[in-house]
Structures are given as C-alpha cells and as structure tokens.
C-alpha atoms as a PDB file:
ATOM      1  CA  MET A   1     -27.102  55.693  89.868  1.00  0.00           C
ATOM      2  CA  GLY A   2     -26.661  52.050  90.847  1.00  0.00           C
ATOM      3  CA  ASP A   3     -24.522  50.509  93.558  1.00  0.00           C
ATOM      4  CA  LEU A   4     -21.166  51.487  92.078  1.00  0.00           C
ATOM      5  CA  PRO A   5     -19.354  54.285  93.921  1.00  0.00           C
ATOM      6  CA  TYR A   6     -19.455  57.594  92.125  1.00  0.00           C
ATOM      7  CA  GLU A   7     -15.944  58.429  90.956  1.00  0.00           C
ATOM      8  CA  ARG A   8     -15.836  62.015  92.175  1.00  0.00           C
ATOM      9  CA  GLY A   9     -17.763  61.661  95.434  1.00  0.00           C
ATOM     10  CA  THR A  10     -21.451  61.854  96.239  1.00  0.00           C
ATOM     11  CA  ILE A  11     -21.409  64.676  98.803  1.00  0.00           C
ATOM     12  CA  LYS A  12     -20.892  68.249  97.617  1.00  0.00           C
ATOM     13  CA  VAL A  13     -19.979  71.237  99.761  1.00  0.00           C
ATOM     14  CA  VAL A  14     -20.883  74.539  98.118  1.00  0.00           C
ATOM     15  CA  TRP A  15     -19.792  77.850  99.618  1.00  0.00           C
ATOM     16  CA  ILE A  16     -19.413  81.530  98.845  1.00  0.00           C
ATOM     17  CA  ASP A  17     -17.057  84.157 100.155  1.00  0.00           C
ATOM     18  CA  ASP A  18     -16.858  87.902  99.644  1.00  0.00           C
ATOM     19  CA  SER A  19     -16.051  87.525  95.943  1.00  0.00           C
ATOM     20  CA  GLU A  20     -18.477  86.946  93.090  1.00  0.00           C
ATOM     21  CA  PHE A  21     -17.648  83.251  92.903  1.00  0.00           C
ATOM     22  CA  ILE A  22     -19.333  80.061  94.096  1.00  0.00           C
ATOM     23  CA  TYR A  23     -17.010  77.232  95.096  1.00  0.00           C
ATOM     24  CA  SER A  24     -17.613  73.513  95.519  1.00  0.00           C
ATOM     25  CA  LYS A  25     -15.708  70.422  96.597  1.00  0.00           C
ATOM     26  CA  MET A  26     -16.758  66.769  96.414  1.00  0.00           C
ATOM     27  CA  PHE A  27     -16.458  64.180  99.202  1.00  0.00           C
ATOM     28  CA  ASN A  28     -17.272  60.512  99.686  1.00  0.00           C
ATOM     29  CA  ASP A  29     -19.082  60.985 103.014  1.00  0.00           C
ATOM     30  CA  GLU A  30     -20.891  63.586 105.115  1.00  0.00           C
ATOM     31  CA  VAL A  31     -18.403  63.446 107.995  1.00  0.00           C
ATOM     32  CA  ASN A  32     -15.463  64.607 105.875  1.00  0.00           C
ATOM     33  CA  ALA A  33     -17.628  67.147 104.065  1.00  0.00           C
ATOM     34  CA  GLU A  34     -18.852  68.676 107.339  1.00  0.00           C
ATOM     35  CA  GLU A  35     -15.325  68.747 108.768  1.00  0.00           C
ATOM     36  CA  PHE A  36     -14.076  70.595 105.683  1.00  0.00           C
ATOM     37  CA  ALA A  37     -17.005  73.043 105.671  1.00  0.00           C
ATOM     38  CA  LYS A  38     -17.071  74.004 109.335  1.00  0.00           C
ATOM     39  CA  ASP A  39     -14.624  76.888 108.881  1.00  0.00           C
ATOM     40  CA  LYS A  40     -16.673  78.290 105.988  1.00  0.00           C
ATOM     41  CA  LYS A  41     -19.249  80.947 106.870  1.00  0.00           C
ATOM     42  CA  ASP A  42     -21.813  80.496 104.114  1.00  0.00           C
ATOM     43  CA  TYR A  43     -22.106  76.935 102.882  1.00  0.00           C
ATOM     44  CA  LEU A  44     -24.554  74.190 101.977  1.00  0.00           C
ATOM     45  CA  ILE A  45     -24.030  70.443 101.704  1.00  0.00           C
ATOM     46  CA  PHE A  46     -25.792  68.312  99.109  1.00  0.00           C
ATOM     47  CA  LYS A  47     -26.005  64.557  98.539  1.00  0.00           C
ATOM     48  CA  LEU A  48     -26.050  63.165  95.021  1.00  0.00           C
ATOM     49  CA  VAL A  49     -29.286  61.237  94.465  1.00  0.00           C
ATOM     50  CA  LYS A  50     -28.825  60.344  90.801  1.00  0.00           C
ATOM     51  CA  GLN A  51     -26.984  61.327  87.678  1.00  0.00           C
ATOM     52  CA  LYS A  52     -27.434  60.575  84.010  1.00  0.00           C
ATOM     53  CA  ASN A  53     -24.627  60.608  81.473  1.00  0.00           C
ATOM     54  CA  MET A  54     -22.598  63.054  83.576  1.00  0.00           C
ATOM     55  CA  GLU A  55     -24.967  65.807  82.356  1.00  0.00           C
ATOM     56  CA  ASP A  56     -28.076  65.635  84.534  1.00  0.00           C
ATOM     57  CA  PHE A  57     -27.728  65.555  88.315  1.00  0.00           C
ATOM     58  CA  THR A  58     -30.265  65.383  91.150  1.00  0.00           C
ATOM     59  CA  TRP A  59     -29.111  66.620  94.558  1.00  0.00           C
ATOM     60  CA  LYS A  60     -30.700  66.491  98.004  1.00  0.00           C
ATOM     61  CA  LEU A  61     -30.026  69.443 100.292  1.00  0.00           C
ATOM     62  CA  LEU A  62     -28.760  68.195 103.664  1.00  0.00           C
ATOM     63  CA  ASN A  63     -29.272  69.907 107.022  1.00  0.00           C
ATOM     64  CA  TYR A  64     -25.872  71.609 107.374  1.00  0.00           C
ATOM     65  CA  GLY A  65     -24.558  75.145 107.112  1.00  0.00           C
ATOM     66  CA  ARG A  66     -27.065  77.722 105.860  1.00  0.00           C
ATOM     67  CA  TYR A  67     -29.720  75.050 105.323  1.00  0.00           C
ATOM     68  CA  LYS A  68     -32.413  76.912 107.316  1.00  0.00           C
ATOM     69  CA  VAL A  69     -31.739  80.240 105.580  1.00  0.00           C
ATOM     70  CA  TYR A  70     -31.852  78.595 102.148  1.00  0.00           C
ATOM     71  CA  LYS A  71     -35.089  76.744 102.938  1.00  0.00           C
ATOM     72  CA  PHE A  72     -36.710  79.902 104.351  1.00  0.00           C
ATOM     73  CA  LEU A  73     -35.766  82.073 101.369  1.00  0.00           C
ATOM     74  CA  PHE A  74     -36.754  79.412  98.852  1.00  0.00           C
ATOM     75  CA  ASN A  75     -40.140  78.941 100.544  1.00  0.00           C
ATOM     76  CA  GLN A  76     -40.701  82.711 100.524  1.00  0.00           C
ATOM     77  CA  TYR A  77     -39.802  82.790  96.846  1.00  0.00           C
ATOM     78  CA  LYS A  78     -42.234  79.958  96.046  1.00  0.00           C
ATOM     79  CA  LYS A  79     -44.990  81.844  97.853  1.00  0.00           C
ATOM     80  CA  GLY A  80     -44.229  84.922  95.756  1.00  0.00           C
ATOM     81  CA  LEU A  81     -43.282  86.986  98.794  1.00  0.00           C
ATOM     82  CA  LEU A  82     -39.593  87.222  98.023  1.00  0.00           C
ATOM     83  CA  SER A  83     -40.138  88.101  94.365  1.00  0.00           C
ATOM     84  CA  ARG A  84     -42.469  90.973  95.344  1.00  0.00           C
ATOM     85  CA  TRP A  85     -39.899  92.227  97.849  1.00  0.00           C
ATOM     86  CA  LEU A  86     -37.058  91.987  95.295  1.00  0.00           C
ATOM     87  CA  LYS A  87     -39.058  94.018  92.756  1.00  0.00           C
ATOM     88  CA  GLY A  88     -39.065  96.888  95.265  1.00  0.00           C
ATOM     89  CA  ILE A  89     -35.256  97.027  95.396  1.00  0.00           C
END
C-alpha cells in the first residue's frame, strides 16, 4: 500500500441492524472509528493492510465490538463444528 494515505480511510466500521443490510463507514484512525461505533450493537472494526488496484483488499480484524463472537464462530466453523450444527437447522 505504500506510505501514502489511503484516500477513503484505512479503518472500516461494519455493522448490522435488524434489517437485511450490512453497513460500513471508513475512518482515518481507530479512535474516531470506535467513537462512531460505540452506539451500534453489532459491529466489527477492520484495518486496511493492503489493496491492489482498488479491487483486492486485505483487512485485519481489530479487537472491538463483536470481535470475540466473530472469532469464536469462525474458529468453530473452521473446526467443522458450526457447519455440522447448521446442517441440523
């Protein structure tokens, strides 16, 4: 990504509400992103690690919001436990 600032921000807040939509907003720093997100119930914050040609993006999940729930569910999925449980629904 280089040393140049990313035009649209490098920190992304992603949240959901009771609708079927996922929302996101970009920020230049974690402090402003966390301040914005704190009134959201279900959110995650990511940091942009790299991007290529505005098509391919690599994000790092930061320890905010539903971080622990996301990590737990993703780990269960990788172990195959979540997929077996979901098949039973």
